Amino acid sequence: MTEPPRLPILKSRASPVLITALQSNDFTQTSQRLSEVADESRVASISLLDTEGRVVAASDRRQLGAVLTEQPYVSSALREARTVFTVSSGDDNGRLGFHYAQSLQSGPDTLGVIVVEVDTKQVETSWRNRNDMVAVTDPSDMVILSSRSRWRNNTLTNVIADQPQPSSVRRAFGPRRAEAENNPFIYLDGEP
């Protein structure tokens, strides 16, 4: 069974190393370290960007030198001293981009941005392998991630409407319930 990704705790484990690399402009060991953290954390990639949005170190070395200033997660992280989470519409393969980005600070100065990309295919495979019924929607009710690939790019309303009466899908995703205790179909770590 494939486990879902565990996001790295970059701030506590890697920030001093990354801050030193950004301050010294010495990235000779940084890509290797990011690759190790990405493997440990089961994420698609981790990139270190300078304040110009240029990738100076990355777990995927093909990204080195790319300029990502136009990406909303980069521009937001450069402006705000908090973790930014964004979902992009997807790449040419239809894969959604889930990115966590955070600026790296030294005192009041922003030195760069660390970006973690989550592998959504791995997450969906994990749900499917456990036979979970999961749908994640955007604000317009469009299913963007799901344990059932045929549900993606459809509205959850349409997914529910296409189910026979009665069905486990209608019960699980039907009338909204305010608390997990009121919904016997929601389980986290084996607990309702």
N, C-alpha and C. Protein backbone atom coordinates (compact mmCIF):
# COMPACT_ATOMS: atom_id res chain seq x y z
N MET A 1 0.84 -1.16 0.00
CA MET A 1 0.00 0.00 0.00
C MET A 1 0.90 1.24 0.00
N THR A 2 0.57 2.20 -0.85
CA THR A 2 1.31 3.45 -0.91
C THR A 2 0.80 4.39 0.17
N GLU A 3 1.72 4.95 0.93
CA GLU A 3 1.33 5.91 1.96
C GLU A 3 1.26 7.30 1.35
N PRO A 4 0.38 8.17 1.88
CA PRO A 4 0.35 9.53 1.38
C PRO A 4 1.63 10.26 1.76
N PRO A 5 1.95 11.35 1.04
CA PRO A 5 3.19 12.04 1.34
C PRO A 5 3.16 12.66 2.72
N ARG A 6 4.33 12.70 3.33
CA ARG A 6 4.49 13.42 4.59
C ARG A 6 5.29 14.67 4.27
N LEU A 7 4.68 15.83 4.48
CA LEU A 7 5.37 17.05 4.14
C LEU A 7 6.53 17.28 5.09
N PRO A 8 7.68 17.66 4.55
CA PRO A 8 8.84 17.86 5.40
C PRO A 8 8.67 19.07 6.30
N ILE A 9 9.32 19.02 7.44
CA ILE A 9 9.32 20.16 8.34
C ILE A 9 10.57 20.95 7.99
N LEU A 10 10.49 21.68 6.88
CA LEU A 10 11.65 22.37 6.36
C LEU A 10 12.12 23.47 7.29
N LYS A 11 11.19 24.13 7.92
CA LYS A 11 11.57 25.27 8.75
C LYS A 11 12.51 24.83 9.87
N SER A 12 12.20 23.74 10.53
CA SER A 12 13.03 23.35 11.67
C SER A 12 14.27 22.56 11.26
N ARG A 13 14.20 21.75 10.19
CA ARG A 13 15.33 20.88 9.86
C ARG A 13 16.27 21.49 8.83
N ALA A 14 15.76 22.21 7.86
CA ALA A 14 16.59 22.60 6.74
C ALA A 14 16.82 24.10 6.64
N SER A 15 16.03 24.90 7.31
CA SER A 15 16.15 26.35 7.13
C SER A 15 17.56 26.88 7.36
N PRO A 16 18.25 26.53 8.46
CA PRO A 16 19.59 27.09 8.64
C PRO A 16 20.53 26.77 7.48
N VAL A 17 20.46 25.56 6.96
CA VAL A 17 21.31 25.17 5.84
C VAL A 17 20.94 25.97 4.60
N LEU A 18 19.64 26.13 4.36
CA LEU A 18 19.19 26.85 3.18
C LEU A 18 19.50 28.34 3.29
N ILE A 19 19.31 28.89 4.46
CA ILE A 19 19.63 30.31 4.67
C ILE A 19 21.12 30.56 4.45
N THR A 20 21.96 29.68 4.97
CA THR A 20 23.41 29.81 4.77
C THR A 20 23.75 29.72 3.28
N ALA A 21 23.12 28.79 2.57
CA ALA A 21 23.37 28.65 1.13
C ALA A 21 22.97 29.91 0.38
N LEU A 22 21.82 30.47 0.72
CA LEU A 22 21.37 31.70 0.06
C LEU A 22 22.28 32.88 0.39
N GLN A 23 22.74 32.97 1.63
CA GLN A 23 23.62 34.07 2.02
C GLN A 23 24.99 33.97 1.35
N SER A 24 25.49 32.77 1.19
CA SER A 24 26.84 32.57 0.63
C SER A 24 26.84 32.36 -0.88
N ASN A 25 25.66 32.14 -1.45
CA ASN A 25 25.54 31.79 -2.88
C ASN A 25 26.30 30.50 -3.20
N ASP A 26 26.40 29.61 -2.24
CA ASP A 26 27.07 28.33 -2.44
C ASP A 26 26.00 27.23 -2.34
N PHE A 27 25.64 26.67 -3.48
CA PHE A 27 24.56 25.68 -3.53
C PHE A 27 25.08 24.29 -3.90
N THR A 28 26.40 24.07 -3.72
CA THR A 28 27.01 22.82 -4.17
C THR A 28 26.41 21.58 -3.51
N GLN A 29 26.01 21.66 -2.24
CA GLN A 29 25.45 20.51 -1.53
C GLN A 29 23.93 20.59 -1.37
N THR A 30 23.35 21.72 -1.74
CA THR A 30 21.95 21.98 -1.43
C THR A 30 20.99 21.10 -2.21
N SER A 31 21.22 20.93 -3.50
CA SER A 31 20.31 20.10 -4.29
C SER A 31 20.29 18.66 -3.79
N GLN A 32 21.46 18.14 -3.43
CA GLN A 32 21.52 16.78 -2.88
C GLN A 32 20.71 16.68 -1.60
N ARG A 33 20.83 17.67 -0.73
CA ARG A 33 20.08 17.66 0.54
C ARG A 33 18.58 17.74 0.27
N LEU A 34 18.17 18.61 -0.67
CA LEU A 34 16.74 18.72 -1.01
C LEU A 34 16.22 17.41 -1.58
N SER A 35 17.03 16.73 -2.37
CA SER A 35 16.64 15.44 -2.93
C SER A 35 16.42 14.41 -1.82
N GLU A 36 17.29 14.39 -0.83
CA GLU A 36 17.14 13.47 0.30
C GLU A 36 15.87 13.77 1.09
N VAL A 37 15.62 15.04 1.36
CA VAL A 37 14.42 15.43 2.12
C VAL A 37 13.16 15.08 1.31
N ALA A 38 13.18 15.32 -0.01
CA ALA A 38 12.03 14.98 -0.85
C ALA A 38 11.75 13.48 -0.82
N ASP A 39 12.80 12.67 -0.89
CA ASP A 39 12.62 11.21 -0.82
C ASP A 39 12.06 10.78 0.53
N GLU A 40 12.61 11.32 1.61
CA GLU A 40 12.13 11.00 2.97
C GLU A 40 10.67 11.39 3.14
N SER A 41 10.31 12.50 2.55
CA SER A 41 8.98 13.08 2.76
C SER A 41 7.95 12.59 1.76
N ARG A 42 8.40 11.90 0.71
CA ARG A 42 7.50 11.41 -0.33
C ARG A 42 6.74 12.54 -1.02
N VAL A 43 7.47 13.58 -1.41
CA VAL A 43 6.87 14.68 -2.17
C VAL A 43 7.44 14.65 -3.58
N ALA A 44 6.77 15.33 -4.51
CA ALA A 44 7.22 15.33 -5.90
C ALA A 44 8.54 16.06 -6.06
N SER A 45 8.65 17.24 -5.42
CA SER A 45 9.90 17.98 -5.54
C SER A 45 9.98 19.06 -4.47
N ILE A 46 11.22 19.49 -4.24
CA ILE A 46 11.49 20.62 -3.36
C ILE A 46 12.47 21.52 -4.10
N SER A 47 12.17 22.82 -4.15
CA SER A 47 13.04 23.77 -4.83
C SER A 47 13.36 24.94 -3.93
N LEU A 48 14.56 25.44 -4.08
CA LEU A 48 15.00 26.64 -3.38
C LEU A 48 15.17 27.74 -4.42
N LEU A 49 14.52 28.87 -4.18
CA LEU A 49 14.56 29.98 -5.11
C LEU A 49 15.19 31.20 -4.45
N ASP A 50 15.87 32.01 -5.25
CA ASP A 50 16.39 33.26 -4.71
C ASP A 50 15.28 34.32 -4.78
N THR A 51 15.57 35.54 -4.40
CA THR A 51 14.54 36.59 -4.36
C THR A 51 14.08 37.02 -5.74
N GLU A 52 14.78 36.60 -6.78
CA GLU A 52 14.35 36.89 -8.16
C GLU A 52 13.44 35.78 -8.69
N GLY A 53 13.20 34.75 -7.87
CA GLY A 53 12.36 33.64 -8.29
C GLY A 53 13.09 32.60 -9.11
N ARG A 54 14.41 32.66 -9.16
CA ARG A 54 15.22 31.71 -9.92
C ARG A 54 15.52 30.49 -9.05
N VAL A 55 15.34 29.29 -9.60
CA VAL A 55 15.63 28.05 -8.88
C VAL A 55 17.14 27.89 -8.80
N VAL A 56 17.66 27.93 -7.56
CA VAL A 56 19.11 27.83 -7.35
C VAL A 56 19.51 26.44 -6.83
N ALA A 57 18.55 25.69 -6.32
CA ALA A 57 18.79 24.31 -5.88
C ALA A 57 17.45 23.59 -5.95
N ALA A 58 17.49 22.30 -6.28
CA ALA A 58 16.23 21.56 -6.42
C ALA A 58 16.46 20.07 -6.34
N SER A 59 15.47 19.37 -5.81
CA SER A 59 15.54 17.91 -5.79
C SER A 59 15.45 17.37 -7.22
N ASP A 60 14.76 18.08 -8.10
CA ASP A 60 14.70 17.75 -9.53
C ASP A 60 15.65 18.72 -10.23
N ARG A 61 16.86 18.28 -10.49
CA ARG A 61 17.90 19.18 -11.00
C ARG A 61 17.59 19.74 -12.38
N ARG A 62 16.60 19.18 -13.07
CA ARG A 62 16.19 19.75 -14.36
C ARG A 62 15.57 21.13 -14.18
N GLN A 63 15.14 21.44 -12.94
CA GLN A 63 14.51 22.74 -12.66
C GLN A 63 15.53 23.86 -12.42
N LEU A 64 16.79 23.50 -12.22
CA LEU A 64 17.81 24.50 -11.91
C LEU A 64 17.84 25.60 -12.98
N GLY A 65 17.83 26.84 -12.53
CA GLY A 65 17.88 27.98 -13.43
C GLY A 65 16.52 28.49 -13.90
N ALA A 66 15.48 27.70 -13.70
CA ALA A 66 14.13 28.14 -14.10
C ALA A 66 13.74 29.36 -13.26
N VAL A 67 13.01 30.26 -13.87
CA VAL A 67 12.52 31.44 -13.16
C VAL A 67 11.02 31.27 -12.95
N LEU A 68 10.59 31.26 -11.68
CA LEU A 68 9.20 30.96 -11.34
C LEU A 68 8.47 32.17 -10.73
N THR A 69 8.96 33.36 -10.99
CA THR A 69 8.37 34.57 -10.40
C THR A 69 6.89 34.70 -10.71
N GLU A 70 6.46 34.23 -11.87
CA GLU A 70 5.06 34.36 -12.28
C GLU A 70 4.13 33.38 -11.56
N GLN A 71 4.70 32.37 -10.92
CA GLN A 71 3.86 31.41 -10.22
C GLN A 71 3.27 32.06 -8.97
N PRO A 72 1.97 31.93 -8.73
CA PRO A 72 1.35 32.60 -7.59
C PRO A 72 1.93 32.18 -6.25
N TYR A 73 2.36 30.94 -6.11
CA TYR A 73 2.92 30.51 -4.84
C TYR A 73 4.26 31.19 -4.56
N VAL A 74 5.01 31.52 -5.60
CA VAL A 74 6.30 32.19 -5.41
C VAL A 74 6.08 33.66 -5.08
N SER A 75 5.27 34.33 -5.88
CA SER A 75 5.05 35.77 -5.63
C SER A 75 4.40 36.00 -4.27
N SER A 76 3.47 35.13 -3.87
CA SER A 76 2.84 35.26 -2.55
C SER A 76 3.84 35.03 -1.43
N ALA A 77 4.67 34.00 -1.57
CA ALA A 77 5.65 33.69 -0.53
C ALA A 77 6.70 34.80 -0.40
N LEU A 78 7.04 35.45 -1.51
CA LEU A 78 8.00 36.56 -1.45
C LEU A 78 7.40 37.77 -0.73
N ARG A 79 6.08 37.93 -0.83
CA ARG A 79 5.40 39.07 -0.19
C ARG A 79 5.05 38.81 1.26
N GLU A 80 4.76 37.55 1.61
CA GLU A 80 4.21 37.23 2.93
C GLU A 80 5.13 36.28 3.69
N ALA A 81 5.30 36.52 4.97
CA ALA A 81 6.15 35.67 5.80
C ALA A 81 5.31 34.57 6.44
N ARG A 82 4.64 33.81 5.62
CA ARG A 82 3.84 32.67 6.11
C ARG A 82 3.85 31.61 5.03
N THR A 83 3.41 30.41 5.36
CA THR A 83 3.34 29.34 4.38
C THR A 83 2.16 29.59 3.45
N VAL A 84 2.41 29.50 2.16
CA VAL A 84 1.39 29.72 1.14
C VAL A 84 1.09 28.37 0.50
N PHE A 85 -0.18 28.05 0.35
CA PHE A 85 -0.60 26.81 -0.30
C PHE A 85 -1.41 27.19 -1.53
N THR A 86 -1.06 26.65 -2.68
CA THR A 86 -1.81 26.93 -3.89
C THR A 86 -2.08 25.65 -4.66
N VAL A 87 -3.13 25.69 -5.43
CA VAL A 87 -3.49 24.62 -6.35
C VAL A 87 -3.50 25.24 -7.73
N SER A 88 -2.66 24.72 -8.63
CA SER A 88 -2.67 25.24 -10.00
C SER A 88 -3.52 24.32 -10.86
N SER A 89 -3.94 24.85 -11.99
CA SER A 89 -4.90 24.14 -12.84
C SER A 89 -4.36 22.86 -13.45
N GLY A 90 -3.08 22.68 -13.47
CA GLY A 90 -2.52 21.43 -13.96
C GLY A 90 -1.53 21.65 -15.07
N ASP A 91 -0.79 20.58 -15.37
CA ASP A 91 0.21 20.66 -16.43
C ASP A 91 -0.36 20.02 -17.70
N ASP A 92 0.48 19.85 -18.71
CA ASP A 92 0.03 19.29 -19.99
C ASP A 92 -0.48 17.85 -19.86
N ASN A 93 -0.08 17.16 -18.78
CA ASN A 93 -0.53 15.79 -18.55
C ASN A 93 -1.81 15.73 -17.72
N GLY A 94 -2.39 16.90 -17.41
CA GLY A 94 -3.61 16.94 -16.62
C GLY A 94 -3.37 16.79 -15.13
N ARG A 95 -2.11 16.86 -14.72
CA ARG A 95 -1.76 16.70 -13.31
C ARG A 95 -1.88 18.05 -12.61
N LEU A 96 -2.59 18.07 -11.50
CA LEU A 96 -2.72 19.30 -10.72
C LEU A 96 -1.42 19.60 -10.00
N GLY A 97 -1.17 20.87 -9.80
CA GLY A 97 -0.01 21.27 -9.02
C GLY A 97 -0.45 21.71 -7.64
N PHE A 98 0.00 21.03 -6.61
CA PHE A 98 -0.23 21.43 -5.22
C PHE A 98 1.12 21.87 -4.69
N HIS A 99 1.22 23.13 -4.33
CA HIS A 99 2.49 23.69 -3.88
C HIS A 99 2.35 24.36 -2.53
N TYR A 100 3.33 24.09 -1.69
CA TYR A 100 3.50 24.81 -0.44
C TYR A 100 4.76 25.65 -0.64
N ALA A 101 4.69 26.93 -0.30
CA ALA A 101 5.85 27.79 -0.44
C ALA A 101 5.99 28.65 0.81
N GLN A 102 7.23 28.89 1.19
CA GLN A 102 7.48 29.73 2.35
C GLN A 102 8.75 30.52 2.12
N SER A 103 8.69 31.81 2.49
CA SER A 103 9.89 32.63 2.36
C SER A 103 10.87 32.22 3.45
N LEU A 104 12.14 32.37 3.13
CA LEU A 104 13.21 32.13 4.10
C LEU A 104 13.75 33.47 4.50
N GLN A 105 13.76 33.72 5.80
CA GLN A 105 14.12 35.03 6.33
C GLN A 105 15.41 34.97 7.14
N SER A 106 16.13 36.08 7.11
CA SER A 106 17.24 36.31 8.02
C SER A 106 16.98 37.69 8.60
N GLY A 107 16.48 37.69 9.83
CA GLY A 107 16.02 38.96 10.41
C GLY A 107 14.86 39.48 9.60
N PRO A 108 14.87 40.74 9.23
CA PRO A 108 13.76 41.29 8.46
C PRO A 108 13.88 41.02 6.96
N ASP A 109 15.02 40.47 6.52
CA ASP A 109 15.29 40.31 5.10
C ASP A 109 14.79 38.96 4.57
N THR A 110 14.12 38.99 3.42
CA THR A 110 13.75 37.78 2.72
C THR A 110 14.92 37.39 1.83
N LEU A 111 15.39 36.16 1.98
CA LEU A 111 16.54 35.68 1.21
C LEU A 111 16.13 34.81 0.03
N GLY A 112 14.95 34.22 0.12
CA GLY A 112 14.50 33.33 -0.94
C GLY A 112 13.21 32.63 -0.53
N VAL A 113 12.88 31.61 -1.29
CA VAL A 113 11.65 30.87 -1.07
C VAL A 113 11.94 29.38 -1.21
N ILE A 114 11.35 28.59 -0.33
CA ILE A 114 11.40 27.14 -0.45
C ILE A 114 10.02 26.68 -0.93
N VAL A 115 9.99 25.81 -1.95
CA VAL A 115 8.74 25.35 -2.55
C VAL A 115 8.70 23.82 -2.49
N VAL A 116 7.59 23.30 -1.98
CA VAL A 116 7.37 21.85 -1.92
C VAL A 116 6.17 21.54 -2.81
N GLU A 117 6.38 20.64 -3.77
CA GLU A 117 5.28 20.20 -4.64
C GLU A 117 4.84 18.80 -4.21
N VAL A 118 3.54 18.66 -3.99
CA VAL A 118 2.98 17.37 -3.58
C VAL A 118 2.60 16.58 -4.82
N ASP A 119 2.88 15.30 -4.81
CA ASP A 119 2.53 14.40 -5.91
C ASP A 119 1.09 13.95 -5.73
N THR A 120 0.15 14.58 -6.44
CA THR A 120 -1.26 14.28 -6.28
C THR A 120 -1.61 12.87 -6.76
N LYS A 121 -0.89 12.35 -7.75
CA LYS A 121 -1.17 10.98 -8.21
C LYS A 121 -0.90 9.99 -7.09
N GLN A 122 0.16 10.23 -6.31
CA GLN A 122 0.50 9.33 -5.20
C GLN A 122 -0.59 9.39 -4.13
N VAL A 123 -1.11 10.57 -3.86
CA VAL A 123 -2.18 10.72 -2.87
C VAL A 123 -3.42 9.96 -3.33
N GLU A 124 -3.82 10.17 -4.58
CA GLU A 124 -5.01 9.49 -5.10
C GLU A 124 -4.82 7.97 -5.12
N THR A 125 -3.64 7.51 -5.49
CA THR A 125 -3.36 6.07 -5.49
C THR A 125 -3.48 5.51 -4.08
N SER A 126 -3.00 6.24 -3.11
CA SER A 126 -3.11 5.81 -1.71
C SER A 126 -4.57 5.64 -1.32
N TRP A 127 -5.40 6.61 -1.68
CA TRP A 127 -6.83 6.51 -1.37
C TRP A 127 -7.45 5.30 -2.06
N ARG A 128 -7.12 5.10 -3.34
CA ARG A 128 -7.69 3.97 -4.10
C ARG A 128 -7.25 2.65 -3.50
N ASN A 129 -5.96 2.55 -3.13
CA ASN A 129 -5.44 1.29 -2.58
C ASN A 129 -6.09 0.92 -1.25
N ARG A 130 -6.53 1.92 -0.51
CA ARG A 130 -7.21 1.65 0.76
C ARG A 130 -8.72 1.52 0.55
N ASN A 131 -9.15 1.66 -0.70
CA ASN A 131 -10.56 1.59 -1.05
C ASN A 131 -11.37 2.69 -0.36
N ASP A 132 -10.71 3.85 -0.14
CA ASP A 132 -11.39 5.00 0.44
C ASP A 132 -12.21 5.71 -0.63
N MET A 133 -13.27 6.34 -0.21
CA MET A 133 -14.08 7.15 -1.10
C MET A 133 -13.83 8.61 -0.73
N VAL A 134 -13.02 9.29 -1.55
CA VAL A 134 -12.60 10.65 -1.24
C VAL A 134 -12.80 11.53 -2.46
N ALA A 135 -13.30 12.74 -2.23
CA ALA A 135 -13.40 13.75 -3.28
C ALA A 135 -13.02 15.09 -2.66
N VAL A 136 -12.13 15.80 -3.34
CA VAL A 136 -11.74 17.15 -2.93
C VAL A 136 -12.25 18.07 -4.02
N THR A 137 -12.99 19.10 -3.60
CA THR A 137 -13.56 20.02 -4.58
C THR A 137 -12.96 21.41 -4.43
N ASP A 138 -13.05 22.17 -5.52
CA ASP A 138 -12.66 23.58 -5.44
C ASP A 138 -13.91 24.37 -5.04
N PRO A 139 -13.79 25.68 -4.88
CA PRO A 139 -14.96 26.47 -4.44
C PRO A 139 -16.17 26.41 -5.38
N SER A 140 -15.94 26.02 -6.65
CA SER A 140 -17.07 25.94 -7.59
C SER A 140 -17.68 24.55 -7.65
N ASP A 141 -17.33 23.64 -6.70
CA ASP A 141 -17.89 22.29 -6.59
C ASP A 141 -17.25 21.32 -7.57
N MET A 142 -16.21 21.75 -8.30
CA MET A 142 -15.52 20.88 -9.25
C MET A 142 -14.60 19.93 -8.48
N VAL A 143 -14.68 18.63 -8.77
CA VAL A 143 -13.82 17.63 -8.13
C VAL A 143 -12.43 17.75 -8.76
N ILE A 144 -11.45 18.09 -7.91
CA ILE A 144 -10.08 18.27 -8.41
C ILE A 144 -9.16 17.11 -8.03
N LEU A 145 -9.50 16.38 -6.98
CA LEU A 145 -8.79 15.17 -6.57
C LEU A 145 -9.82 14.17 -6.12
N SER A 146 -9.56 12.90 -6.40
CA SER A 146 -10.54 11.91 -6.00
C SER A 146 -9.94 10.51 -5.99
N SER A 147 -10.52 9.68 -5.16
CA SER A 147 -10.14 8.27 -5.15
C SER A 147 -10.71 7.56 -6.38
N ARG A 148 -11.65 8.18 -7.04
CA ARG A 148 -12.26 7.64 -8.28
C ARG A 148 -11.94 8.60 -9.42
N SER A 149 -11.02 8.22 -10.30
CA SER A 149 -10.55 9.13 -11.34
C SER A 149 -11.66 9.63 -12.25
N ARG A 150 -12.71 8.85 -12.44
CA ARG A 150 -13.80 9.29 -13.32
C ARG A 150 -14.60 10.45 -12.73
N TRP A 151 -14.44 10.70 -11.44
CA TRP A 151 -15.14 11.84 -10.83
C TRP A 151 -14.45 13.16 -11.10
N ARG A 152 -13.13 13.12 -11.36
CA ARG A 152 -12.39 14.36 -11.56
C ARG A 152 -12.94 15.13 -12.74
N ASN A 153 -12.86 16.46 -12.66
CA ASN A 153 -13.34 17.38 -13.69
C ASN A 153 -14.85 17.31 -13.88
N ASN A 154 -15.54 16.92 -12.85
CA ASN A 154 -17.00 16.93 -12.81
C ASN A 154 -17.37 17.60 -11.49
N THR A 155 -18.57 18.09 -11.38
CA THR A 155 -18.97 18.67 -10.10
C THR A 155 -19.39 17.56 -9.15
N LEU A 156 -19.20 17.77 -7.86
CA LEU A 156 -19.62 16.78 -6.88
C LEU A 156 -21.14 16.62 -6.94
N THR A 157 -21.84 17.69 -7.21
CA THR A 157 -23.31 17.63 -7.36
C THR A 157 -23.68 16.65 -8.46
N ASN A 158 -23.00 16.70 -9.61
CA ASN A 158 -23.27 15.76 -10.71
C ASN A 158 -22.88 14.33 -10.35
N VAL A 159 -21.75 14.18 -9.64
CA VAL A 159 -21.31 12.84 -9.22
C VAL A 159 -22.38 12.20 -8.35
N ILE A 160 -22.89 12.97 -7.39
CA ILE A 160 -23.92 12.45 -6.49
C ILE A 160 -25.20 12.15 -7.26
N ALA A 161 -25.59 13.03 -8.17
CA ALA A 161 -26.83 12.86 -8.94
C ALA A 161 -26.77 11.62 -9.83
N ASP A 162 -25.57 11.25 -10.29
CA ASP A 162 -25.42 10.09 -11.18
C ASP A 162 -25.46 8.76 -10.44
N GLN A 163 -25.51 8.80 -9.11
CA GLN A 163 -25.51 7.57 -8.32
C GLN A 163 -26.94 7.05 -8.15
N PRO A 164 -27.09 5.72 -8.15
CA PRO A 164 -28.43 5.16 -7.92
C PRO A 164 -28.91 5.48 -6.51
N GLN A 165 -30.20 5.39 -6.32
CA GLN A 165 -30.80 5.66 -5.00
C GLN A 165 -31.12 4.31 -4.37
N PRO A 166 -30.76 3.97 -3.19
CA PRO A 166 -29.76 4.59 -2.32
C PRO A 166 -28.38 4.13 -2.73
N SER A 167 -27.37 4.86 -2.36
CA SER A 167 -25.99 4.45 -2.63
C SER A 167 -25.08 4.98 -1.53
N SER A 168 -23.95 4.31 -1.38
CA SER A 168 -22.99 4.74 -0.37
C SER A 168 -22.41 6.11 -0.73
N VAL A 169 -22.30 6.41 -2.01
CA VAL A 169 -21.80 7.73 -2.43
C VAL A 169 -22.78 8.81 -2.01
N ARG A 170 -24.06 8.59 -2.23
CA ARG A 170 -25.08 9.58 -1.82
C ARG A 170 -25.07 9.77 -0.31
N ARG A 171 -24.90 8.67 0.44
CA ARG A 171 -24.88 8.80 1.90
C ARG A 171 -23.63 9.53 2.37
N ALA A 172 -22.48 9.21 1.75
CA ALA A 172 -21.22 9.81 2.18
C ALA A 172 -21.11 11.29 1.81
N PHE A 173 -21.54 11.63 0.60
CA PHE A 173 -21.36 12.99 0.12
C PHE A 173 -22.66 13.79 0.06
N GLY A 174 -23.74 13.17 0.48
CA GLY A 174 -25.05 13.83 0.42
C GLY A 174 -25.17 15.01 1.36
N PRO A 175 -26.29 15.09 2.07
CA PRO A 175 -26.50 16.26 2.93
C PRO A 175 -25.30 16.50 3.85
N ARG A 176 -24.88 17.73 3.86
CA ARG A 176 -23.71 18.09 4.68
C ARG A 176 -24.04 17.93 6.16
N ARG A 177 -23.06 17.44 6.90
CA ARG A 177 -23.20 17.30 8.34
C ARG A 177 -22.12 18.15 8.98
N ALA A 178 -22.46 18.81 10.05
CA ALA A 178 -21.55 19.77 10.67
C ALA A 178 -20.38 19.10 11.39
N GLU A 179 -20.56 17.88 11.88
CA GLU A 179 -19.51 17.25 12.67
C GLU A 179 -19.30 15.81 12.21
N ALA A 180 -18.07 15.35 12.32
CA ALA A 180 -17.75 13.98 11.92
C ALA A 180 -18.55 12.97 12.74
N GLU A 181 -18.83 13.30 14.02
CA GLU A 181 -19.57 12.36 14.86
C GLU A 181 -20.97 12.09 14.31
N ASN A 182 -21.52 13.04 13.54
CA ASN A 182 -22.84 12.88 12.96
C ASN A 182 -22.81 12.20 11.61
N ASN A 183 -21.64 11.82 11.13
CA ASN A 183 -21.52 11.19 9.83
C ASN A 183 -20.76 9.87 9.97
N PRO A 184 -21.47 8.76 9.99
CA PRO A 184 -20.81 7.46 10.19
C PRO A 184 -19.95 7.04 9.01
N PHE A 185 -19.91 7.85 7.94
CA PHE A 185 -19.14 7.47 6.76
C PHE A 185 -17.80 8.18 6.67
N ILE A 186 -17.47 9.00 7.65
CA ILE A 186 -16.18 9.70 7.67
C ILE A 186 -15.31 9.08 8.75
N TYR A 187 -14.13 8.57 8.33
CA TYR A 187 -13.21 7.96 9.28
C TYR A 187 -11.84 8.57 9.10
N LEU A 188 -11.18 8.92 10.18
CA LEU A 188 -9.80 9.36 10.18
C LEU A 188 -9.03 8.48 11.14
N ASP A 189 -8.00 7.81 10.63
CA ASP A 189 -7.22 6.88 11.44
C ASP A 189 -8.10 5.85 12.14
N GLY A 190 -9.13 5.37 11.45
CA GLY A 190 -9.98 4.32 11.98
C GLY A 190 -11.05 4.78 12.94
N GLU A 191 -11.09 6.06 13.23
CA GLU A 191 -12.10 6.61 14.15
C GLU A 191 -13.15 7.37 13.37
N PRO A 192 -14.42 7.16 13.72
CA PRO A 192 -15.47 7.94 13.01
C PRO A 192 -15.27 9.43 13.18
